[in-house]
Amino acid sequence: MKIGLFFGSFNPVHVGHMIIANHMVQYSDLDQIWMVVSPHNPLKNKASLAKDNDRYHLVQLAIGNNTKIKASNVEFSMPLPSYTIDTLTFLNEKYPKHIFALIMGGDNLENIDKWKNYQQILDNYDIYLYKRTGHNPDKFSDYPRVKKMDVPLLDISATFIRQALHEGKSVQYLVPDAVHDYLENSVMYR
């Protein structure tokens, strides 16, 4: 089985994330998408993150009963900060019959040379690339294993959603219904 790993803070998961995941599993050769909730991206500020298990739960709610998309907390038991190459190594050892690929936006590919062992990732893993507004990953997008996908994108920001919740505003339609219902009855991000 070919698994597309969609890493993210998902702080919180929103409809833009779900559109990307669904598009990748429907319009590529990927059999399944694993949305890997990252406890700490070394290039981001950890202070703004909701608790790991809360974000993981929201991703599970967002996915619902879709069997082609799974939530993954594989990085929760790994050393921090989380490095993609370490997670890939762990998953390859744990699931030797699966083929793993990465799903990433142009912003991440544009900065992949800041990642630990990035050349090993570029050389050994397929990367399913979706565009991000304001980012031009030309430096790496011509690598043979980079597959450009024409994903319909919504310019939704988790930062905007957190701020709206903090201000007591509704985020209905910005997040999946189950996530909205949960957040309405929670103190997360408030």
Protein backbone atom coordinates (compact mmCIF):
# COMPACT_ATOMS: atom_id res chain seq x y z
CA MET A 1 0.00 0.00 0.00
CA LYS A 2 1.28 3.47 -0.85
CA ILE A 3 0.72 5.88 2.05
CA GLY A 4 0.84 9.65 1.71
CA LEU A 5 2.05 11.28 4.92
CA PHE A 6 0.49 14.69 5.46
CA PHE A 7 2.39 16.20 8.37
CA GLY A 8 1.05 19.19 10.23
CA SER A 9 0.45 20.90 13.51
CA PHE A 10 -3.26 20.90 12.66
CA ASN A 11 -3.69 23.64 15.25
CA PRO A 12 -6.63 23.27 14.58
CA VAL A 13 -7.39 21.09 11.59
CA HIS A 14 -9.58 22.98 9.10
CA VAL A 15 -11.46 22.38 5.84
CA GLY A 16 -8.40 23.41 3.80
CA HIS A 17 -6.42 20.51 5.30
CA MET A 18 -9.27 18.10 4.60
CA ILE A 19 -9.62 19.24 0.98
CA ILE A 20 -5.90 18.59 0.43
CA ALA A 21 -6.04 15.14 2.06
CA ASN A 22 -9.14 14.11 0.13
CA HIS A 23 -7.81 15.42 -3.17
CA MET A 24 -4.55 13.50 -2.75
CA VAL A 25 -6.26 10.20 -2.04
CA GLN A 26 -8.78 10.67 -4.88
CA TYR A 27 -6.53 12.07 -7.64
CA SER A 28 -3.15 10.40 -7.14
CA ASP A 29 -1.79 6.88 -6.88
CA LEU A 30 -1.83 7.09 -3.07
CA ASP A 31 -3.97 4.38 -1.45
CA GLN A 32 -4.33 6.11 1.89
CA ILE A 33 -3.45 9.41 3.58
CA TRP A 34 -2.12 9.52 7.13
CA MET A 35 -2.52 12.93 8.72
CA VAL A 36 0.48 12.97 11.05
CA VAL A 37 -0.09 15.32 13.96
CA SER A 38 3.29 16.82 14.79
CA PRO A 39 3.98 17.54 18.45
CA HIS A 40 6.64 20.11 17.60
CA ASN A 41 7.81 21.30 14.22
CA PRO A 42 11.38 22.52 14.83
CA LEU A 43 10.70 25.52 12.56
CA LYS A 44 7.61 26.67 14.53
CA ASN A 45 6.92 28.13 17.96
CA LYS A 46 5.65 25.41 20.31
CA ALA A 47 4.04 27.93 22.70
CA SER A 48 1.02 28.49 20.42
CA LEU A 49 0.18 24.77 20.13
CA ALA A 50 -2.86 23.20 21.75
CA LYS A 51 -2.15 19.94 23.57
CA ASP A 52 -1.01 17.11 21.30
CA ASN A 53 -3.88 14.75 22.12
CA ASP A 54 -6.45 17.53 21.68
CA ARG A 55 -5.18 18.28 18.16
CA TYR A 56 -5.07 14.55 17.37
CA HIS A 57 -8.68 14.19 18.57
CA LEU A 58 -9.78 17.08 16.34
CA VAL A 59 -8.14 15.39 13.32
CA GLN A 60 -9.99 12.16 14.15
CA LEU A 61 -13.25 14.12 14.33
CA ALA A 62 -12.50 15.82 11.01
CA ILE A 63 -11.86 12.50 9.27
CA GLY A 64 -14.97 10.83 10.63
CA ASN A 65 -15.60 7.47 8.96
CA ASN A 66 -13.45 8.01 5.85
CA THR A 67 -11.37 4.82 5.60
CA LYS A 68 -8.91 6.31 3.10
CA ILE A 69 -7.71 8.99 5.55
CA LYS A 70 -6.30 8.19 9.00
CA ALA A 71 -5.09 10.27 11.92
CA SER A 72 -1.60 9.37 13.12
CA ASN A 73 0.07 10.20 16.42
CA VAL A 74 3.25 8.30 15.56
CA GLU A 75 5.45 11.28 16.46
CA PHE A 76 4.04 11.56 20.00
CA SER A 77 6.35 8.79 21.23
CA MET A 78 9.40 9.98 19.31
CA PRO A 79 12.11 12.36 20.54
CA LEU A 80 11.40 16.09 20.20
CA PRO A 81 11.67 18.11 18.14
CA SER A 82 10.17 16.01 15.35
CA TYR A 83 12.22 15.54 12.20
CA THR A 84 10.51 14.12 9.13
CA ILE A 85 13.45 11.88 8.20
CA ASP A 86 13.36 10.23 11.65
CA THR A 87 9.63 9.58 11.33
CA LEU A 88 10.10 8.14 7.85
CA THR A 89 12.86 5.83 9.11
CA PHE A 90 10.67 4.66 12.00
CA LEU A 91 7.64 4.03 9.75
CA ASN A 92 9.72 2.15 7.17
CA GLU A 93 10.99 -0.16 9.91
CA LYS A 94 7.55 -0.64 11.47
CA TYR A 95 5.65 -1.11 8.18
CA PRO A 96 8.13 -2.64 5.71
CA LYS A 97 5.36 -3.61 3.26
CA HIS A 98 4.14 -0.02 2.84
CA ILE A 99 5.62 2.61 0.56
CA PHE A 100 5.66 6.05 2.16
CA ALA A 101 5.45 9.36 0.35
CA LEU A 102 5.15 12.95 1.54
CA ILE A 103 2.43 15.50 0.92
CA MET A 104 3.63 19.06 1.24
CA GLY A 105 2.87 22.59 0.27
CA GLY A 106 5.12 24.81 -1.78
CA ASP A 107 6.12 26.70 1.38
CA ASN A 108 7.63 23.54 2.85
CA LEU A 109 9.38 22.46 -0.35
CA GLU A 110 10.75 25.98 -0.75
CA ASN A 111 12.48 25.59 2.65
CA ILE A 112 13.28 21.88 2.57
CA ASP A 113 17.01 22.63 2.54
CA LYS A 114 16.59 23.66 6.21
CA TRP A 115 15.33 20.17 7.10
CA LYS A 116 17.44 17.45 8.67
CA ASN A 117 18.84 15.15 5.93
CA TYR A 118 16.69 16.87 3.30
CA GLN A 119 18.69 15.44 0.39
CA GLN A 120 17.87 11.91 1.56
CA ILE A 121 14.16 12.84 1.50
CA LEU A 122 14.38 14.34 -2.00
CA ASP A 123 16.28 11.33 -3.33
CA ASN A 124 14.27 8.53 -1.72
CA TYR A 125 10.64 9.62 -1.31
CA ASP A 126 7.92 10.77 -3.67
CA ILE A 127 6.69 14.23 -2.74
CA TYR A 128 3.15 15.22 -3.71
CA LEU A 129 3.28 18.98 -3.96
CA TYR A 130 0.40 21.41 -3.70
CA LYS A 131 0.71 25.14 -4.33
CA ARG A 132 0.68 27.68 -1.52
CA THR A 133 -0.14 31.32 -2.14
CA GLY A 134 2.98 33.46 -2.15
CA HIS A 135 5.43 30.57 -2.33
CA ASN A 136 7.43 29.49 -5.34
CA PRO A 137 9.40 26.29 -4.71
CA ASP A 138 11.17 26.35 -8.08
CA LYS A 139 14.49 25.51 -6.46
CA PHE A 140 13.35 21.92 -5.74
CA SER A 141 10.18 21.35 -7.77
CA ASP A 142 12.04 19.84 -10.73
CA TYR A 143 13.38 16.92 -8.70
CA PRO A 144 12.26 13.68 -10.38
CA ARG A 145 10.31 12.47 -7.33
CA VAL A 146 8.35 15.72 -6.88
CA LYS A 147 4.82 15.34 -8.28
CA LYS A 148 2.95 18.61 -8.76
CA MET A 149 -0.72 18.25 -7.93
CA ASP A 150 -3.42 20.71 -8.95
CA VAL A 151 -5.27 20.85 -5.64
CA PRO A 152 -8.20 23.25 -5.15
CA LEU A 153 -7.05 25.44 -2.29
CA LEU A 154 -8.76 27.64 0.22
CA ASP A 155 -6.72 30.41 1.79
CA ILE A 156 -7.60 29.47 5.37
CA SER A 157 -5.19 29.93 8.22
CA ALA A 158 -5.19 28.02 11.50
CA THR A 159 -3.80 31.22 13.05
CA PHE A 160 -6.91 33.11 11.89
CA ILE A 161 -9.16 30.37 13.29
CA ARG A 162 -7.39 30.42 16.68
CA GLN A 163 -7.71 34.20 16.81
CA ALA A 164 -11.41 34.07 15.90
CA LEU A 165 -12.05 31.51 18.65
CA HIS A 166 -10.08 33.58 21.13
CA GLU A 167 -12.31 36.55 20.26
CA GLY A 168 -15.46 34.47 20.70
CA LYS A 169 -16.33 34.48 16.99
CA SER A 170 -17.81 31.54 15.09
CA VAL A 171 -15.55 29.39 12.91
CA GLN A 172 -18.44 27.49 11.36
CA TYR A 173 -17.65 26.49 7.76
CA LEU A 174 -13.91 27.05 8.34
CA VAL A 175 -13.55 23.73 10.15
CA PRO A 176 -15.36 20.42 9.59
CA ASP A 177 -18.75 20.24 11.32
CA ALA A 178 -17.63 17.73 13.97
CA VAL A 179 -14.63 19.92 14.81
CA HIS A 180 -16.86 22.99 15.00
CA ASP A 181 -19.28 21.23 17.35
CA TYR A 182 -16.43 20.11 19.59
CA LEU A 183 -14.80 23.55 19.69
CA GLU A 184 -18.13 25.25 20.47
CA ASN A 185 -18.32 23.21 23.68
CA SER A 186 -14.64 23.49 24.58
CA VAL A 187 -12.27 26.06 26.01
CA MET A 188 -9.63 25.23 23.38
CA TYR A 189 -8.14 28.37 21.83
CA ARG A 190 -10.33 30.67 23.96
